Protein backbone atom coordinates (compact mmCIF):
# COMPACT_ATOMS: atom_id res chain seq x y z
CA MET A 1 -38.94 -29.57 88.04
CA ARG A 2 -41.47 -29.63 85.77
CA SER A 3 -41.35 -25.83 85.75
CA LEU A 4 -37.31 -26.01 85.02
CA ARG A 5 -37.62 -28.45 82.52
CA PHE A 6 -40.29 -26.43 81.06
CA CYS A 7 -38.42 -23.30 81.10
CA GLY A 8 -35.03 -24.62 79.61
CA ILE A 9 -37.22 -25.95 76.68
CA THR A 10 -38.65 -22.53 75.76
CA LEU A 11 -35.13 -20.62 76.24
CA ALA A 12 -33.96 -23.15 73.43
CA LEU A 13 -36.54 -22.51 71.13
CA LEU A 14 -36.52 -18.85 71.76
CA GLY A 15 -32.86 -18.99 70.96
CA SER A 16 -33.15 -20.42 67.70
CA LEU A 17 -36.46 -18.66 66.72
CA SER A 18 -33.90 -15.46 67.93
CA LEU A 19 -31.25 -16.12 65.83
CA ALA A 20 -33.50 -17.34 62.92
CA GLY A 21 -34.56 -13.58 63.05
CA CYS A 22 -31.14 -12.65 62.88
CA ASP A 23 -30.44 -13.94 59.43
CA SER A 24 -33.10 -12.82 58.36
CA LEU A 25 -32.99 -9.21 59.42
CA LEU A 26 -29.15 -9.42 58.58
CA GLY A 27 -30.06 -10.86 54.89
CA THR A 28 -28.15 -13.14 54.41
CA HIS A 29 -27.48 -14.21 50.46
CA PRO A 30 -26.29 -16.56 48.63
CA ALA A 31 -22.87 -16.58 47.43
CA LYS A 32 -22.38 -14.50 43.94
CA THR A 33 -21.52 -16.29 41.24
CA VAL A 34 -18.54 -14.83 38.97
CA LYS A 35 -18.81 -14.84 35.18
CA PRO A 36 -15.81 -16.15 33.48
CA LYS A 37 -14.50 -12.84 31.51
CA SER A 38 -15.31 -13.18 27.74
CA ALA A 39 -12.23 -13.40 25.01
CA LYS A 40 -11.14 -10.41 23.70
CA LEU A 41 -12.40 -10.16 20.15
CA LYS A 42 -9.76 -9.50 17.59
CA LYS A 43 -8.84 -6.41 16.37
CA PRO A 44 -10.57 -7.14 12.21
CA GLU A 45 -8.11 -6.91 9.31
CA GLU A 46 -8.12 -3.49 7.40
CA LYS A 47 -8.32 -4.20 3.63
CA VAL A 48 -5.61 -2.79 1.68
CA ALA A 49 -5.66 -2.54 -1.97
CA ALA A 50 -1.90 -4.11 -3.22
CA SER A 51 -1.57 -0.64 -5.33
CA SER A 52 -2.17 1.25 -2.36
CA TYR A 53 0.28 -0.46 -1.09
CA ILE A 54 2.66 0.45 -4.00
CA GLU A 55 2.44 3.72 -3.74
CA ASN A 56 3.22 3.83 0.05
CA LEU A 57 5.93 1.85 0.05
CA THR A 58 7.59 3.68 -2.71
CA ILE A 59 6.28 7.27 -1.18
CA ALA A 60 7.51 6.22 2.21
CA ARG A 61 11.29 5.25 0.76
CA MET A 62 11.80 8.52 -0.53
CA GLU A 63 11.33 10.78 2.47
CA LEU A 64 13.00 8.33 4.78
CA SER A 65 15.59 9.06 2.39
CA ARG A 66 15.77 12.96 2.17
CA ASN A 67 15.22 13.11 6.03
CA PRO A 68 15.84 9.84 8.18
CA ALA A 69 15.62 12.10 10.91
CA ASN A 70 12.00 13.46 10.69
CA MET A 71 9.27 10.03 11.04
CA SER A 72 6.47 12.48 10.80
CA PRO A 73 5.53 12.63 7.27
CA VAL A 74 6.53 8.39 6.85
CA SER A 75 4.52 7.29 9.66
CA PRO A 76 1.10 7.36 7.77
CA ARG A 77 2.76 5.30 4.62
CA LEU A 78 4.24 3.37 7.63
CA ASN A 79 0.57 2.26 8.49
CA VAL A 80 -0.88 1.15 5.41
CA VAL A 81 2.75 -1.26 4.51
CA ARG A 82 2.04 -2.61 8.15
CA ASN A 83 -2.01 -3.18 7.35
CA TYR A 84 -1.40 -4.64 3.81
CA MET A 85 1.21 -7.15 5.17
CA ALA A 86 -0.44 -7.25 7.79
CA GLN A 87 -3.74 -9.11 5.83
CA THR A 88 -3.96 -12.72 6.10
CA LYS A 89 -7.11 -13.63 3.70
CA ALA A 90 -6.12 -11.53 0.59
CA LYS A 91 -5.13 -13.11 -2.58
CA ALA A 92 -2.45 -12.24 -4.96
CA GLU A 93 -2.90 -9.59 -6.79
CA GLN A 94 -1.54 -8.24 -10.56
CA VAL A 95 -0.77 -5.01 -10.89
CA ARG A 96 0.36 -2.60 -13.94
CA ILE A 97 2.99 -0.19 -12.68
CA ALA A 98 5.73 2.78 -14.26
CA VAL A 99 8.98 2.33 -13.26
CA PHE A 100 11.14 5.43 -12.83
CA ASP A 101 14.50 5.05 -13.21
CA TYR A 102 15.86 8.10 -12.06
CA SER A 103 19.40 9.85 -10.97
CA LEU A 104 20.25 12.41 -7.52
CA LYS A 105 23.22 15.01 -8.10
CA GLY A 106 25.61 13.65 -5.66
CA LYS A 107 24.13 9.99 -5.55
CA ASP A 108 26.22 7.45 -7.50
CA GLY A 109 23.92 4.85 -9.65
CA ASP A 110 19.96 5.07 -10.43
CA MET A 111 16.95 4.41 -8.32
CA GLN A 112 13.36 3.03 -9.08
CA ALA A 113 10.50 4.81 -8.42
CA VAL A 114 7.46 2.79 -8.51
CA ALA A 115 4.03 4.02 -9.25
CA PRO A 116 0.75 1.41 -9.73
CA PHE A 117 -1.63 2.82 -12.03
CA SER A 118 -4.92 1.33 -13.92
CA MET A 119 -6.00 1.91 -17.03
CA ALA A 120 -9.63 2.10 -16.42
CA GLN A 121 -8.79 5.11 -14.59
CA ARG A 122 -6.84 7.32 -16.56
CA SER A 123 -6.46 10.15 -14.10
CA PHE A 124 -3.58 8.23 -12.45
CA PRO A 125 -3.88 9.19 -9.00
CA ALA A 126 -0.83 7.27 -8.01
CA LEU A 127 0.72 8.21 -10.41
CA GLY A 128 0.53 11.76 -9.95
CA HIS A 129 1.38 11.77 -5.90
CA VAL A 130 4.42 9.75 -6.89
CA LEU A 131 5.63 12.79 -9.15
CA SER A 132 4.86 15.45 -6.76
CA ALA A 133 6.78 12.95 -4.56
CA MET A 134 10.01 12.36 -6.66
CA GLU A 135 10.09 16.58 -7.58
CA VAL A 136 10.86 17.37 -4.33
CA THR A 137 14.44 16.98 -5.26
CA PRO A 138 15.81 17.88 -8.50
CA TYR A 139 15.96 14.70 -10.29
CA THR A 140 16.87 13.40 -13.70
CA LEU A 141 14.66 11.09 -15.72
CA LYS A 142 16.54 8.38 -17.43
CA ASN A 143 13.67 6.03 -18.82
CA ILE A 144 9.96 4.65 -18.04
CA ARG A 145 8.88 1.18 -18.36
CA VAL A 146 5.28 -0.22 -17.66
CA LEU A 147 5.48 -3.58 -16.37
CA THR A 148 2.72 -5.73 -13.95
CA THR A 149 4.00 -7.39 -11.23
CA GLU A 150 1.96 -9.79 -8.42
CA VAL A 151 1.87 -8.55 -4.87
CA MET A 152 0.79 -10.58 -2.25
CA PRO A 153 1.02 -9.78 1.65
CA ASP A 154 3.35 -11.40 4.58
CA ALA A 155 2.02 -11.25 7.21
CA ALA A 156 5.45 -12.26 8.98
CA THR A 157 7.25 -9.45 7.67
CA ALA A 158 7.56 -7.11 10.04
CA LEU A 159 9.32 -3.07 9.62
CA PRO A 160 12.00 -2.25 12.29
CA GLU A 161 11.90 0.78 13.72
CA GLU A 162 15.80 1.97 13.74
CA PRO A 163 15.87 4.36 10.36
CA LEU A 164 18.35 2.29 8.64
CA MET A 165 17.26 -0.51 9.44
CA LEU A 166 13.67 0.30 7.86
CA ALA A 167 15.33 1.47 4.84
CA ASN A 168 17.09 -1.75 4.53
CA ALA A 169 13.42 -3.06 4.55
CA LEU A 170 11.80 -0.77 2.32
CA ASP A 171 14.59 -1.13 -0.31
CA ALA A 172 14.04 -4.92 -0.25
CA GLN A 173 10.59 -4.87 -0.54
CA GLN A 174 10.67 -2.95 -3.82
CA ARG A 175 13.42 -5.20 -5.19
CA HIS A 176 10.96 -7.74 -4.35
CA LEU A 177 8.16 -5.74 -6.14
CA LEU A 178 10.58 -5.61 -9.16
CA SER A 179 11.40 -9.59 -9.13
CA GLN A 180 8.03 -10.10 -9.52
CA SER A 181 7.77 -8.22 -12.23
CA GLY A 182 7.47 -8.85 -15.97
CA ARG A 183 7.04 -6.85 -19.60
CA CYS A 184 3.45 -7.56 -21.15
CA ALA A 185 2.85 -7.94 -24.09
CA ALA A 186 3.39 -6.20 -27.85
CA GLY A 187 0.64 -4.28 -28.30
CA ASP A 188 -0.40 -3.54 -25.06
CA GLU A 189 2.45 -1.96 -23.63
CA ILE A 190 2.60 0.12 -26.71
CA MET A 191 -1.19 1.12 -25.59
CA THR A 192 -0.19 1.74 -22.53
CA GLN A 193 2.84 3.88 -23.03
CA ILE A 194 0.65 6.40 -25.24
CA ALA A 195 -1.88 6.47 -22.55
CA LEU A 196 0.87 7.64 -20.26
CA LEU A 197 1.90 9.81 -22.84
CA GLU A 198 -0.83 11.61 -22.79
CA TYR A 199 -1.07 12.04 -19.03
CA PHE A 200 2.07 13.38 -19.18
CA THR A 201 1.58 15.88 -22.11
CA ASP A 202 -1.84 17.41 -20.02
CA HIS A 203 0.32 17.44 -16.64
CA ARG A 204 3.28 19.12 -18.05
CA GLN A 205 5.81 16.39 -17.66
CA GLN A 206 8.05 16.78 -20.16
CA ASP A 207 10.92 14.77 -19.63
CA ALA A 208 8.53 11.83 -19.15
CA ALA A 209 6.98 12.51 -22.28
CA TYR A 210 9.38 13.19 -24.62
CA LEU A 211 11.02 9.88 -23.25
CA THR A 212 7.56 8.21 -23.55
CA VAL A 213 7.88 9.00 -26.89
CA GLU A 214 11.14 7.27 -27.42
CA ASN A 215 9.77 4.38 -26.21
CA VAL A 216 7.29 4.05 -27.99
CA LYS A 217 9.05 4.50 -31.46
CA HIS A 218 11.25 2.13 -30.00
CA LEU A 219 8.75 -0.68 -29.56
CA LEU A 220 6.94 -0.25 -32.85
CA ALA A 221 10.60 -0.82 -34.59
CA LYS A 222 10.78 -4.18 -32.58
CA ALA A 223 7.36 -5.19 -33.30
CA THR A 224 8.00 -4.42 -37.13
CA GLN A 225 11.11 -6.52 -36.86
CA ASP A 226 9.58 -9.19 -34.81
CA LYS A 227 6.19 -8.82 -37.02
CA THR A 228 4.59 -9.55 -33.25
CA LEU A 229 1.88 -6.38 -34.70
CA ASP A 230 0.15 -6.56 -38.19
CA GLU A 231 0.68 -4.03 -40.34
CA GLU A 232 -2.36 -2.15 -40.29
CA SER A 233 -2.09 -2.22 -36.15
CA LEU A 234 1.35 -1.00 -36.61
CA THR A 235 0.40 1.62 -39.35
CA THR A 236 -2.35 3.17 -37.33
CA LEU A 237 -0.31 3.20 -33.95
CA SER A 238 3.25 4.61 -36.23
CA GLY A 239 0.51 7.91 -37.28
CA LYS A 240 -0.66 7.93 -34.12
CA ILE A 241 2.50 8.14 -31.91
CA ASN A 242 3.92 11.09 -34.92
CA GLY A 243 0.54 13.47 -34.67
CA MET A 244 1.40 13.11 -30.54
CA GLU A 245 4.71 13.83 -30.96
CA SER A 246 3.81 16.58 -32.94
CA GLN A 247 1.61 18.33 -30.04
CA LEU A 248 3.34 18.19 -27.41
CA LYS A 249 6.70 19.67 -29.69
CA GLN A 250 3.87 22.67 -29.83
CA LYS A 251 3.04 22.74 -26.25
CA MET A 252 6.33 21.67 -24.34
CA PRO A 253 9.21 22.32 -26.71
CA TYR A 254 12.26 20.58 -26.15
CA THR A 255 14.76 23.44 -26.22
CA PHE A 256 18.64 22.50 -25.72
C-alpha cells in the first residue's frame, strides 16, 4: 500500500512538472496591450494673402464666364479662393484695388474686373495678370476707379460645384468686396492714378492710359473747387499730368 501511495504521489508531481514544462516550451506570453490610435493631425491652414484672393477671384470669374464647360483653368484659382476663405486666424486687411469697368460685345450692361495693387510694388504684378485675362476677349474699357476695400475670410463660405451656381457665388463675393470699398483721400487718389498712368504707358495699355489722364484732370479740377489741396500742390500736379499726357501722345498717339 505504501508503495502504491508513493507511486501515486510521484506520478502527480511528475504530471504537474510536465504541464509547467509544456507552458515553458510553448512560450506562454502576457496579453498584448492595445495602444489607442492617436488622433488624426489637423492639416494646418494655408496662409493666403487678401491680394492673392482678390486676383484669383477676378480671373476665375472671367475664365468661368468664357468657358463654363472647362473647369481645368479655373480649378487652381478656386483653390486659392477656398484656402483664403478657410482661414480662421487671418484678420481683416485693407487692400487697394483698381476697378476696371468694361463691356463685352453682345452682352448687356457693364462688368467689373478688380485688381489688387500696392504702391510699394510699382511693378503691379496682379494688375498685369488681370489685364492679360481681360484681353483674351475683346472688350471696351469704360472707366478705371481707385478704391480701398476691407477683406476678411469667412470660413462658412462654400463654393458650389455646378458652374452656374459657382458663377453666382463668385459674383456675390466680388459684389461684397465692392460694397466694402471706399475712395482714397484726394491727394492720395491723384498720386495713385498718376502711378497707374505710368504703368499703363510703359505697358502700352492705350485705352487705360488715356482714361487715367482724364481721371486725374477731373480729380484736379474737383480738388481746385473743393480746396482739398493747396495751390502749390495743385500747380505741381497739374504740370506733372500735362507732361505725362504729352509723352503719352507721342508714344501712343490716339487716332480716331
